[in-house]
Amino acid sequence: MRGAAVRRDERGFALLGALLIAVIAALFAAVALAAALGAQRVAASDGGHARARAAALAGAGFALHRVCWTLLPCDAAARCEVDIPEDEAGGSGAPDGIGAACASSTPDGSGAARATGAAPGADASSEVTLERVEPVSLGWPSSARLVRVTARAASGGASASVIELVALRPSAVPRGLSVAEDLDAQADLAITGSGVYVGGVVRGREHVSFAPPSAEAAPPADAEATDVPASASDAAPDHAWGGRWPAAGVHAGGGIWAAGLDTATLDPCPEAYAADTVGAAVAGLVEPPDAAWLASARSHALDPGDACSGGVLRLDRLPALLPTGEPGAAEAAGRADPSAGYVVFVSARGYDGGVVVTGVRDAAWAPVTVVVDGDAVLGADPGAVASADAGADPGAVAGADPGADPGAAGAPSAPASAVALRGALVVAGRLSVAAPSSLCGHVACRRLAVTASLSLDLEADWRTRPPVGFVEPVLVARR
């Protein structure tokens, strides 16, 4: 009896031990499960925070790009959808807060720039506010343009905020009248408020003239080079590079020729050429925009629609104002902001001789930056020329006196179309001026041939309202 009792007690202890082991194992399993769930929650929280920060940076980048690629003021409002790729949701998003991709946008008049969007499988939205900052209060020159960008974003239950101080400065796009290689002037080239900057040789200097200074204001000092004091003489001012060359002149890297003579050999030098310089100093100022800038211009460009067809861009058919619903369109009292500009991008590939740019835009219309990837010609509308030729009386033309004055009544004259544009013209290749043209703003090209009169006017305060694409954001601080 006693042995049986002992065996029963042993079996009881064994069962109790097994039960205890099972309880301990379950406890360890529960602890491990809790740890795993906690790690997942932490990872999810970190992922949500990373997506929220990416959304904030992307929204800030969108808002800055909208300022740089339109002429809207910094406190203008806009909505956009920001695409945050899944592989970038881990925290970097748009590393500099500059460079977000904008899928679409609609105008908003709420007074703040808001960006909303989502990464695949995640809900992320951001609200961005832009505020002007008085530069003098931070020890910057009064001419500097500083913007405080505040972006707040949420993704699920996580949120993030980013505050950036950004300086808006002139971009690397050449300013004034800039030619990377050679300039050949065979007709009048009248410049107001700018010099002529050429990387190669200038031929036809006798056709280039500079307007005297206006009575309104002296030329502002150049932001990048202010070591040269402004000139107090009566020479024409240079508003493009006034810090380097206070008086407007022709600056060439390879030489300046007038009437077939090298102006460097003229002794004494004519007073009209006194501000001219020859040397390598101009080399870094005239290089055409790089591929990255051209890609940005293409991505931000407004579709010209029927204004561009058959290799002809008709400026007068482009929208007078930035259309409502297009990127950067601001509405005031139900109409677009007349000061908001836009960019038009045209490829010259497939067109012999380049794209023809023609037409006159009213000075009160929105400024436009016209970018031509290839060669361009400022000339008459080919369609108008063809119509004029078709309507001419063949008998009258055949019977015309060869020695008659072309300007006399009844004498045949070649049709011409004036070209007028306010903003900027950037040509990646050769620019030919084949019809009388008047431009207000900047012209940059690789080569320039002037066979018809060209006038260029650069306003003294152009930095306060630079053309579309002529300003870039530079990150100063972030927290």
Protein backbone atom coordinates (compact mmCIF):
# COMPACT_ATOMS: atom_id res chain seq x y z
CA MET A 1 0.00 0.00 0.00
CA ARG A 2 2.76 2.35 0.94
CA GLY A 3 4.59 1.74 -2.43
CA ALA A 4 1.43 2.50 -4.39
CA ALA A 5 0.97 5.74 -2.49
CA VAL A 6 4.56 6.73 -3.19
CA ARG A 7 4.10 6.09 -6.93
CA ARG A 8 0.92 8.18 -6.97
CA ASP A 9 2.75 11.01 -5.24
CA GLU A 10 5.57 10.84 -7.79
CA ARG A 11 3.11 11.01 -10.68
CA GLY A 12 1.48 14.05 -9.04
CA PHE A 13 4.80 15.82 -8.69
CA ALA A 14 5.65 15.02 -12.33
CA LEU A 15 2.31 16.37 -13.49
CA LEU A 16 2.80 19.49 -11.39
CA GLY A 17 6.29 19.97 -12.81
CA ALA A 18 5.03 19.60 -16.38
CA LEU A 19 2.25 22.07 -15.67
CA LEU A 20 4.75 24.52 -14.21
CA ILE A 21 7.00 24.16 -17.26
CA ALA A 22 4.02 24.77 -19.55
CA VAL A 23 3.07 27.89 -17.59
CA ILE A 24 6.62 29.23 -17.76
CA ALA A 25 6.80 28.51 -21.50
CA ALA A 26 3.46 30.29 -22.05
CA LEU A 27 4.74 33.23 -20.02
CA PHE A 28 7.87 33.46 -22.12
CA ALA A 29 5.79 33.21 -25.29
CA ALA A 30 3.52 36.00 -24.11
CA VAL A 31 6.50 38.20 -23.27
CA ALA A 32 8.05 37.49 -26.69
CA LEU A 33 4.75 38.26 -28.41
CA ALA A 34 4.38 41.52 -26.51
CA ALA A 35 7.93 42.49 -27.42
CA ALA A 36 7.31 41.69 -31.08
CA LEU A 37 4.05 43.67 -31.11
CA GLY A 38 5.78 46.56 -29.40
CA ALA A 39 8.57 46.51 -31.96
CA GLN A 40 6.00 46.50 -34.74
CA ARG A 41 4.21 49.47 -33.19
CA VAL A 42 7.51 51.34 -32.85
CA ALA A 43 8.40 50.50 -36.45
CA ALA A 44 4.95 51.58 -37.60
CA SER A 45 5.27 54.80 -35.64
CA ASP A 46 8.74 55.43 -37.08
CA GLY A 47 7.44 54.68 -40.58
CA GLY A 48 4.49 57.02 -40.09
CA HIS A 49 6.78 59.75 -38.83
CA ALA A 50 9.13 59.19 -41.77
CA ARG A 51 6.24 59.42 -44.23
CA ALA A 52 4.95 62.54 -42.51
CA ARG A 53 8.38 64.16 -42.66
CA ALA A 54 8.71 63.17 -46.32
CA ALA A 55 5.31 64.75 -46.99
CA ALA A 56 6.36 67.93 -45.18
CA LEU A 57 9.60 68.18 -47.15
CA ALA A 58 7.81 67.44 -50.41
CA GLY A 59 5.20 70.09 -49.69
CA ALA A 60 7.89 72.64 -48.89
CA GLY A 61 9.68 71.76 -52.10
CA PHE A 62 6.49 72.16 -54.10
CA ALA A 63 5.76 75.55 -52.62
CA LEU A 64 9.28 76.82 -53.33
CA HIS A 65 9.20 75.53 -56.89
CA ARG A 66 5.87 77.24 -57.41
CA VAL A 67 7.46 80.55 -56.36
CA CYS A 68 10.50 80.00 -58.61
CA TRP A 69 8.58 78.87 -61.69
CA THR A 70 5.80 81.45 -61.55
CA LEU A 71 5.88 85.10 -60.61
CA LEU A 72 3.42 84.69 -57.76
CA PRO A 73 4.31 86.37 -54.46
CA CYS A 74 5.65 84.14 -51.71
CA ASP A 75 2.40 84.22 -49.74
CA ALA A 76 0.23 83.14 -52.67
CA ALA A 77 -1.81 80.01 -52.19
CA ALA A 78 -1.90 76.78 -54.13
CA ARG A 79 -2.94 73.17 -53.72
CA CYS A 80 -1.10 70.22 -55.15
CA GLU A 81 -0.81 66.45 -54.96
CA VAL A 82 2.67 65.31 -53.96
CA ASP A 83 3.75 61.80 -54.90
CA ILE A 84 6.00 60.27 -52.22
CA PRO A 85 7.53 57.01 -53.57
CA GLU A 86 7.46 54.05 -51.20
CA ASP A 87 11.24 53.69 -51.25
CA GLU A 88 11.62 57.32 -50.18
CA ALA A 89 9.14 57.13 -47.32
CA GLY A 90 11.89 56.05 -44.97
CA GLY A 91 12.81 59.60 -44.09
CA SER A 92 14.53 61.47 -46.89
CA GLY A 93 11.65 62.16 -49.24
CA ALA A 94 12.87 65.41 -50.76
CA PRO A 95 16.23 65.80 -49.01
CA ASP A 96 16.51 69.55 -49.40
CA GLY A 97 12.85 70.37 -49.25
CA ILE A 98 13.52 71.52 -52.80
CA GLY A 99 12.62 69.30 -55.71
CA ALA A 100 9.23 67.74 -55.01
CA ALA A 101 7.34 66.34 -57.97
CA CYS A 102 3.94 67.94 -58.41
CA ALA A 103 1.27 65.86 -60.11
CA SER A 104 -1.50 68.43 -60.31
CA SER A 105 -2.70 71.62 -58.73
CA THR A 106 -5.69 73.90 -58.35
CA PRO A 107 -5.83 77.50 -57.14
CA ASP A 108 -6.82 78.31 -53.60
CA GLY A 109 -7.29 81.70 -52.00
CA SER A 110 -6.78 80.77 -48.37
CA GLY A 111 -3.50 82.63 -47.94
CA ALA A 112 -1.24 79.60 -47.38
CA ALA A 113 0.33 77.12 -49.75
CA ARG A 114 -1.03 73.66 -48.95
CA ALA A 115 0.24 70.36 -50.32
CA THR A 116 -1.56 67.04 -49.99
CA GLY A 117 -0.67 63.60 -51.22
CA ALA A 118 -0.13 59.96 -50.36
CA ALA A 119 2.55 57.34 -50.70
CA PRO A 120 1.44 53.88 -51.88
CA GLY A 121 -0.35 52.21 -49.01
CA ALA A 122 -0.07 55.21 -46.72
CA ASP A 123 -2.03 58.37 -46.02
CA ALA A 124 0.20 61.44 -45.85
CA SER A 125 -0.80 65.09 -46.15
CA SER A 126 0.97 68.37 -45.50
CA GLU A 127 0.18 72.04 -45.05
CA VAL A 128 2.81 74.58 -46.04
CA THR A 129 3.00 78.29 -45.28
CA LEU A 130 5.45 80.72 -46.87
CA GLU A 131 6.37 83.98 -45.16
CA ARG A 132 8.70 86.73 -46.28
CA VAL A 133 11.55 87.46 -43.87
CA GLU A 134 13.11 90.89 -43.50
CA PRO A 135 16.76 90.19 -44.46
CA VAL A 136 18.26 93.06 -42.49
CA SER A 137 16.92 91.58 -39.25
CA LEU A 138 19.13 88.52 -39.85
CA GLY A 139 22.19 90.48 -40.93
CA TRP A 140 21.63 89.96 -44.65
CA PRO A 141 21.83 92.73 -47.29
CA SER A 142 18.56 94.53 -47.86
CA SER A 143 18.50 93.26 -51.46
CA ALA A 144 18.35 89.63 -50.35
CA ARG A 145 15.07 87.70 -50.63
CA LEU A 146 14.48 85.39 -47.68
CA VAL A 147 11.49 83.11 -47.15
CA ARG A 148 10.48 81.13 -44.07
CA VAL A 149 8.86 77.83 -45.07
CA THR A 150 6.76 76.08 -42.42
CA ALA A 151 5.48 72.62 -43.35
CA ARG A 152 3.30 70.45 -41.09
CA ALA A 153 2.38 66.94 -42.18
CA ALA A 154 0.49 63.93 -40.86
CA SER A 155 0.55 60.25 -41.79
CA GLY A 156 -1.91 58.07 -39.91
CA GLY A 157 -1.41 58.86 -36.23
CA ALA A 158 2.08 60.30 -36.74
CA SER A 159 2.95 63.91 -37.51
CA ALA A 160 6.02 65.95 -38.35
CA SER A 161 6.92 69.57 -38.94
CA VAL A 162 9.76 71.24 -40.81
CA ILE A 163 10.83 74.88 -40.72
CA GLU A 164 13.26 76.10 -43.38
CA LEU A 165 14.89 79.43 -44.03
CA VAL A 166 15.45 79.74 -47.76
CA ALA A 167 17.18 82.43 -49.80
CA LEU A 168 15.84 83.11 -53.29
CA ARG A 169 18.72 84.16 -55.51
CA PRO A 170 19.22 84.62 -59.26
CA SER A 171 19.77 81.26 -60.92
CA ALA A 172 22.61 80.28 -63.21
CA VAL A 173 20.64 81.40 -66.27
CA PRO A 174 22.60 84.16 -68.04
CA ARG A 175 21.10 87.62 -67.60
CA GLY A 176 20.84 90.69 -69.77
CA LEU A 177 21.89 89.98 -73.36
CA SER A 178 24.16 86.94 -73.13
CA VAL A 179 25.72 84.97 -75.99
CA ALA A 180 27.84 81.91 -75.21
CA GLU A 181 29.82 81.99 -78.48
CA ASP A 182 29.79 84.66 -81.23
CA LEU A 183 27.60 87.68 -82.00
CA ASP A 184 27.24 89.04 -85.55
CA ALA A 185 25.33 92.35 -85.74
CA GLN A 186 24.39 93.61 -89.19
CA ALA A 187 21.47 95.77 -88.01
CA ASP A 188 20.76 98.11 -85.12
CA LEU A 189 21.05 96.53 -81.68
CA ALA A 190 19.73 99.02 -79.09
CA ILE A 191 20.21 98.11 -75.42
CA THR A 192 18.71 99.81 -72.36
CA GLY A 193 19.73 98.83 -68.83
CA SER A 194 22.12 96.02 -69.75
CA GLY A 195 25.47 95.29 -71.25
CA VAL A 196 26.23 92.78 -73.98
CA TYR A 197 28.08 89.68 -72.76
CA VAL A 198 29.66 87.41 -75.34
CA GLY A 199 31.92 84.42 -74.77
CA GLY A 200 33.45 84.57 -78.25
CA VAL A 201 33.86 87.31 -80.87
CA VAL A 202 31.63 90.33 -81.48
CA ARG A 203 31.35 91.56 -85.07
CA GLY A 204 29.43 94.70 -85.96
CA ARG A 205 30.12 96.72 -82.81
CA GLU A 206 29.19 99.87 -84.74
CA HIS A 207 25.57 98.69 -84.75
CA VAL A 208 25.38 98.34 -80.95
CA SER A 209 24.18 101.30 -78.89
CA PHE A 210 23.32 101.83 -75.24
CA ALA A 211 20.63 104.17 -73.97
CA PRO A 212 21.64 106.91 -71.52
CA PRO A 213 20.67 106.53 -67.84
CA SER A 214 17.10 107.27 -66.89
CA ALA A 215 16.23 109.88 -64.32
CA GLU A 216 14.27 107.47 -62.13
CA ALA A 217 16.96 105.55 -60.29
CA ALA A 218 20.58 104.53 -60.33
CA PRO A 219 21.42 100.93 -61.23
CA PRO A 220 21.31 98.58 -58.24
CA ALA A 221 24.51 96.92 -57.16
CA ASP A 222 24.87 93.33 -58.30
CA ALA A 223 24.13 90.81 -55.55
CA GLU A 224 27.00 88.51 -56.52
CA ALA A 225 29.71 91.14 -57.01
CA THR A 226 29.55 94.44 -55.20
CA ASP A 227 33.26 95.17 -54.95
CA VAL A 228 33.07 97.77 -57.73
CA PRO A 229 31.33 101.01 -56.77
CA ALA A 230 28.57 102.40 -58.94
CA SER A 231 29.70 104.89 -61.51
CA ALA A 232 28.68 108.48 -61.15
CA SER A 233 29.26 109.23 -64.82
CA ASP A 234 26.61 109.78 -67.45
CA ALA A 235 27.31 106.40 -69.05
CA ALA A 236 24.41 104.05 -69.68
CA PRO A 237 23.79 101.89 -66.60
CA ASP A 238 24.20 98.13 -66.44
CA HIS A 239 21.40 96.58 -64.36
CA ALA A 240 22.46 93.00 -65.11
CA TRP A 241 26.07 93.04 -63.85
CA GLY A 242 26.33 96.52 -62.40
CA GLY A 243 28.58 95.35 -59.58
CA ARG A 244 31.23 94.28 -62.09
CA TRP A 245 30.68 96.81 -64.87
CA PRO A 246 28.76 99.88 -63.64
CA ALA A 247 28.60 101.33 -67.16
CA ALA A 248 26.95 99.32 -69.92
CA GLY A 249 29.29 98.11 -72.63
CA VAL A 250 30.22 95.15 -74.80
CA HIS A 251 32.18 92.47 -72.94
CA ALA A 252 33.65 89.72 -75.08
CA GLY A 253 35.99 86.85 -74.45
CA GLY A 254 37.45 86.67 -77.96
CA GLY A 255 37.54 90.20 -79.35
CA ILE A 256 35.38 93.09 -80.55
CA TRP A 257 35.29 94.19 -84.18
CA ALA A 258 33.71 97.33 -85.65
CA ALA A 259 33.52 98.01 -89.39
CA GLY A 260 36.05 95.26 -89.99
CA LEU A 261 38.58 96.62 -87.48
CA ASP A 262 39.64 95.21 -84.15
CA THR A 263 38.62 97.88 -81.64
CA ALA A 264 41.66 97.03 -79.52
CA THR A 265 43.84 98.56 -82.24
CA LEU A 266 41.95 101.87 -82.35
CA ASP A 267 43.96 104.75 -80.91
CA PRO A 268 42.41 106.76 -79.50
CA CYS A 269 39.50 104.51 -78.59
CA PRO A 270 36.12 106.04 -79.50
CA GLU A 271 34.21 107.29 -76.47
CA ALA A 272 31.27 105.05 -77.37
CA TYR A 273 33.52 102.02 -76.83
CA ALA A 274 35.07 103.23 -73.56
CA ALA A 275 33.19 100.73 -71.37
CA ASP A 276 33.99 97.72 -73.58
CA THR A 277 36.26 94.97 -72.27
CA VAL A 278 37.90 91.90 -73.77
CA GLY A 279 39.02 88.98 -71.66
CA ALA A 280 38.08 85.78 -69.85
CA ALA A 281 36.06 87.56 -67.13
CA VAL A 282 32.86 87.07 -69.11
CA ALA A 283 33.33 83.33 -69.70
CA GLY A 284 31.51 82.12 -66.59
CA LEU A 285 28.56 84.46 -67.10
CA VAL A 286 27.30 83.43 -70.52
CA GLU A 287 27.06 79.64 -70.49
CA PRO A 288 23.57 78.50 -71.54
CA PRO A 289 21.39 76.76 -68.95
CA ASP A 290 22.36 73.16 -68.28
CA ALA A 291 20.28 70.05 -68.95
CA ALA A 292 18.80 70.08 -65.44
CA TRP A 293 17.42 73.60 -65.90
CA LEU A 294 16.01 72.73 -69.31
CA ALA A 295 14.34 69.65 -67.81
CA SER A 296 12.77 71.79 -65.08
CA ALA A 297 11.59 74.30 -67.67
CA ARG A 298 10.01 71.51 -69.69
CA SER A 299 8.27 70.01 -66.65
CA HIS A 300 6.85 73.38 -65.53
CA ALA A 301 5.96 74.64 -69.01
CA LEU A 302 2.48 75.63 -70.02
CA ASP A 303 1.10 73.76 -73.02
CA PRO A 304 1.06 76.39 -75.81
CA GLY A 305 -1.77 74.60 -77.62
CA ASP A 306 -2.49 75.95 -81.09
CA ALA A 307 -0.11 78.87 -80.45
CA CYS A 308 2.69 76.52 -81.50
CA SER A 309 2.27 74.48 -84.66
CA GLY A 310 4.37 73.57 -87.66
CA GLY A 311 7.53 74.95 -86.07
CA VAL A 312 6.02 78.41 -85.49
CA LEU A 313 5.38 79.85 -82.03
CA ARG A 314 2.92 82.74 -82.18
CA LEU A 315 3.38 84.85 -79.07
CA ASP A 316 0.13 86.76 -79.51
CA ARG A 317 -1.83 83.49 -79.32
CA LEU A 318 -0.41 82.50 -75.95
CA PRO A 319 -2.71 83.23 -72.98
CA ALA A 320 -2.69 86.87 -71.94
CA LEU A 321 -2.81 85.77 -68.30
CA LEU A 322 -1.84 82.55 -66.59
CA PRO A 323 -5.00 80.44 -67.06
CA THR A 324 -7.04 79.53 -64.01
CA GLY A 325 -6.31 75.97 -63.00
CA GLU A 326 -2.77 75.94 -64.34
CA PRO A 327 0.14 75.61 -61.86
CA GLY A 328 0.58 78.78 -59.89
CA ALA A 329 -2.58 80.53 -61.04
CA ALA A 330 -3.77 82.91 -58.36
CA GLU A 331 -7.28 84.29 -58.24
CA ALA A 332 -8.26 87.72 -57.06
CA ALA A 333 -11.88 88.76 -57.45
CA GLY A 334 -12.40 85.80 -59.75
CA ARG A 335 -9.61 86.50 -62.23
CA ALA A 336 -6.02 85.41 -62.69
CA ASP A 337 -3.17 87.45 -61.23
CA PRO A 338 -1.83 89.61 -64.11
CA SER A 339 1.66 89.60 -62.56
CA ALA A 340 1.94 85.80 -62.55
CA GLY A 341 4.16 84.60 -65.36
CA TYR A 342 4.68 81.24 -66.96
CA VAL A 343 7.15 79.34 -69.11
CA VAL A 344 6.67 77.93 -72.61
CA PHE A 345 9.00 75.18 -73.83
CA VAL A 346 9.45 74.41 -77.53
CA SER A 347 11.70 71.79 -79.10
CA ALA A 348 13.31 72.72 -82.42
CA ARG A 349 14.13 69.16 -83.37
CA GLY A 350 12.90 68.27 -86.83
CA TYR A 351 12.65 71.90 -88.03
CA ASP A 352 15.30 73.07 -90.49
CA GLY A 353 16.45 76.53 -89.55
CA GLY A 354 14.87 76.29 -86.11
CA VAL A 355 11.58 77.39 -84.59
CA VAL A 356 10.10 80.68 -85.80
CA VAL A 357 9.03 82.95 -82.94
CA THR A 358 6.64 85.65 -84.09
CA GLY A 359 3.83 87.89 -82.86
CA VAL A 360 3.40 90.86 -80.54
CA ARG A 361 2.33 90.49 -76.91
CA ASP A 362 0.72 93.43 -75.16
CA ALA A 363 2.93 94.97 -72.48
CA ALA A 364 0.11 94.55 -69.93
CA TRP A 365 -0.06 90.79 -70.45
CA ALA A 366 1.62 88.26 -68.20
CA PRO A 367 5.39 87.93 -68.66
CA VAL A 368 6.51 84.76 -70.41
CA THR A 369 9.80 82.89 -70.41
CA VAL A 370 10.15 81.27 -73.85
CA VAL A 371 12.60 78.37 -73.91
CA VAL A 372 13.66 76.88 -77.26
CA ASP A 373 15.64 73.65 -77.19
CA GLY A 374 17.59 74.20 -80.41
CA ASP A 375 17.71 77.07 -82.92
CA ALA A 376 15.18 79.90 -83.14
CA VAL A 377 14.35 82.77 -85.50
CA LEU A 378 12.61 86.01 -84.55
CA GLY A 379 10.77 86.60 -87.78
CA ALA A 380 7.60 87.04 -89.74
CA ASP A 381 4.76 84.55 -89.50
CA PRO A 382 5.30 82.18 -92.47
CA GLY A 383 1.54 81.85 -92.86
CA ALA A 384 1.08 85.62 -93.10
CA VAL A 385 3.91 85.90 -95.61
CA ALA A 386 2.38 83.17 -97.75
CA SER A 387 -1.02 84.89 -97.65
CA ALA A 388 0.51 88.24 -98.60
CA ASP A 389 2.39 86.67 -101.49
CA ALA A 390 -0.73 84.87 -102.69
CA GLY A 391 -2.75 88.09 -102.61
CA ALA A 392 -0.20 90.18 -104.50
CA ASP A 393 -0.93 91.22 -108.09
CA PRO A 394 1.62 89.38 -110.27
CA GLY A 395 1.24 91.97 -113.03
CA ALA A 396 1.91 94.86 -110.70
CA VAL A 397 4.98 93.15 -109.33
CA ALA A 398 6.28 92.29 -112.80
CA GLY A 399 5.71 95.84 -114.04
CA ALA A 400 7.33 97.55 -111.11
CA ASP A 401 10.18 99.93 -111.92
CA PRO A 402 13.44 98.27 -110.78
CA GLY A 403 14.87 101.65 -109.90
CA ALA A 404 11.88 102.85 -107.89
CA ASP A 405 12.20 103.74 -104.22
CA PRO A 406 11.15 100.63 -102.23
CA GLY A 407 9.39 102.84 -99.72
CA ALA A 408 7.44 104.79 -102.31
CA ALA A 409 3.72 104.30 -102.65
CA GLY A 410 2.85 101.43 -104.91
CA ALA A 411 6.33 99.93 -104.76
CA PRO A 412 6.44 96.30 -103.63
CA SER A 413 7.87 95.68 -100.16
CA ALA A 414 8.78 92.50 -98.36
CA PRO A 415 6.26 91.61 -95.66
CA ALA A 416 7.58 91.85 -92.11
CA SER A 417 6.18 90.94 -88.72
CA ALA A 418 7.31 92.64 -85.53
CA VAL A 419 8.07 90.53 -82.47
CA ALA A 420 7.44 91.81 -78.95
CA LEU A 421 7.87 89.91 -75.69
CA ARG A 422 8.09 90.76 -72.01
CA GLY A 423 9.87 88.22 -69.81
CA ALA A 424 12.80 86.22 -71.18
CA LEU A 425 13.96 84.34 -74.26
CA VAL A 426 16.31 81.39 -73.74
CA VAL A 427 17.59 79.61 -76.85
CA ALA A 428 19.84 76.59 -76.45
CA GLY A 429 21.21 77.00 -80.00
CA ARG A 430 21.48 79.83 -82.53
CA LEU A 431 19.16 82.84 -82.37
CA SER A 432 18.59 84.78 -85.59
CA VAL A 433 16.79 88.13 -85.62
CA ALA A 434 15.13 88.35 -89.03
CA ALA A 435 12.34 90.83 -88.25
CA PRO A 436 12.22 94.01 -86.13
CA SER A 437 11.93 92.82 -82.55
CA SER A 438 11.44 94.42 -79.15
CA LEU A 439 12.14 92.48 -75.97
CA CYS A 440 11.78 93.54 -72.34
CA GLY A 441 13.79 91.31 -70.03
CA HIS A 442 16.60 88.86 -70.75
CA VAL A 443 17.94 87.09 -73.83
CA ALA A 444 20.32 84.13 -73.63
CA CYS A 445 21.51 82.02 -76.55
CA ARG A 446 24.53 80.14 -77.84
CA ARG A 447 25.03 82.25 -81.00
CA LEU A 448 23.33 85.45 -82.12
CA ALA A 449 22.90 86.85 -85.64
CA VAL A 450 21.14 90.23 -85.95
CA THR A 451 19.98 91.06 -89.48
CA ALA A 452 16.96 93.15 -88.41
CA SER A 453 16.68 95.73 -85.66
CA LEU A 454 16.56 94.41 -82.11
CA SER A 455 15.87 96.43 -78.96
CA LEU A 456 16.28 95.08 -75.44
CA ASP A 457 15.15 96.82 -72.26
CA LEU A 458 16.18 95.50 -68.82
CA GLU A 459 14.40 97.25 -65.98
CA ALA A 460 16.38 98.46 -62.99
CA ASP A 461 14.23 96.56 -60.47
CA TRP A 462 14.11 93.24 -62.36
CA ARG A 463 15.47 91.36 -59.31
CA THR A 464 12.33 92.14 -57.32
CA ARG A 465 10.27 90.40 -60.00
CA PRO A 466 12.66 88.14 -61.94
CA PRO A 467 11.43 86.23 -64.99
CA VAL A 468 10.08 82.74 -64.52
CA GLY A 469 12.97 80.33 -64.05
CA PHE A 470 15.52 83.04 -63.24
CA VAL A 471 15.45 82.48 -59.48
CA GLU A 472 16.44 79.43 -57.45
CA PRO A 473 15.97 78.48 -53.77
CA VAL A 474 19.02 77.95 -51.56
CA LEU A 475 18.56 76.27 -48.19
CA VAL A 476 20.04 78.42 -45.40
CA ALA A 477 18.80 76.60 -42.28
CA ARG A 478 16.34 73.89 -41.28
CA ARG A 479 14.92 72.60 -38.02
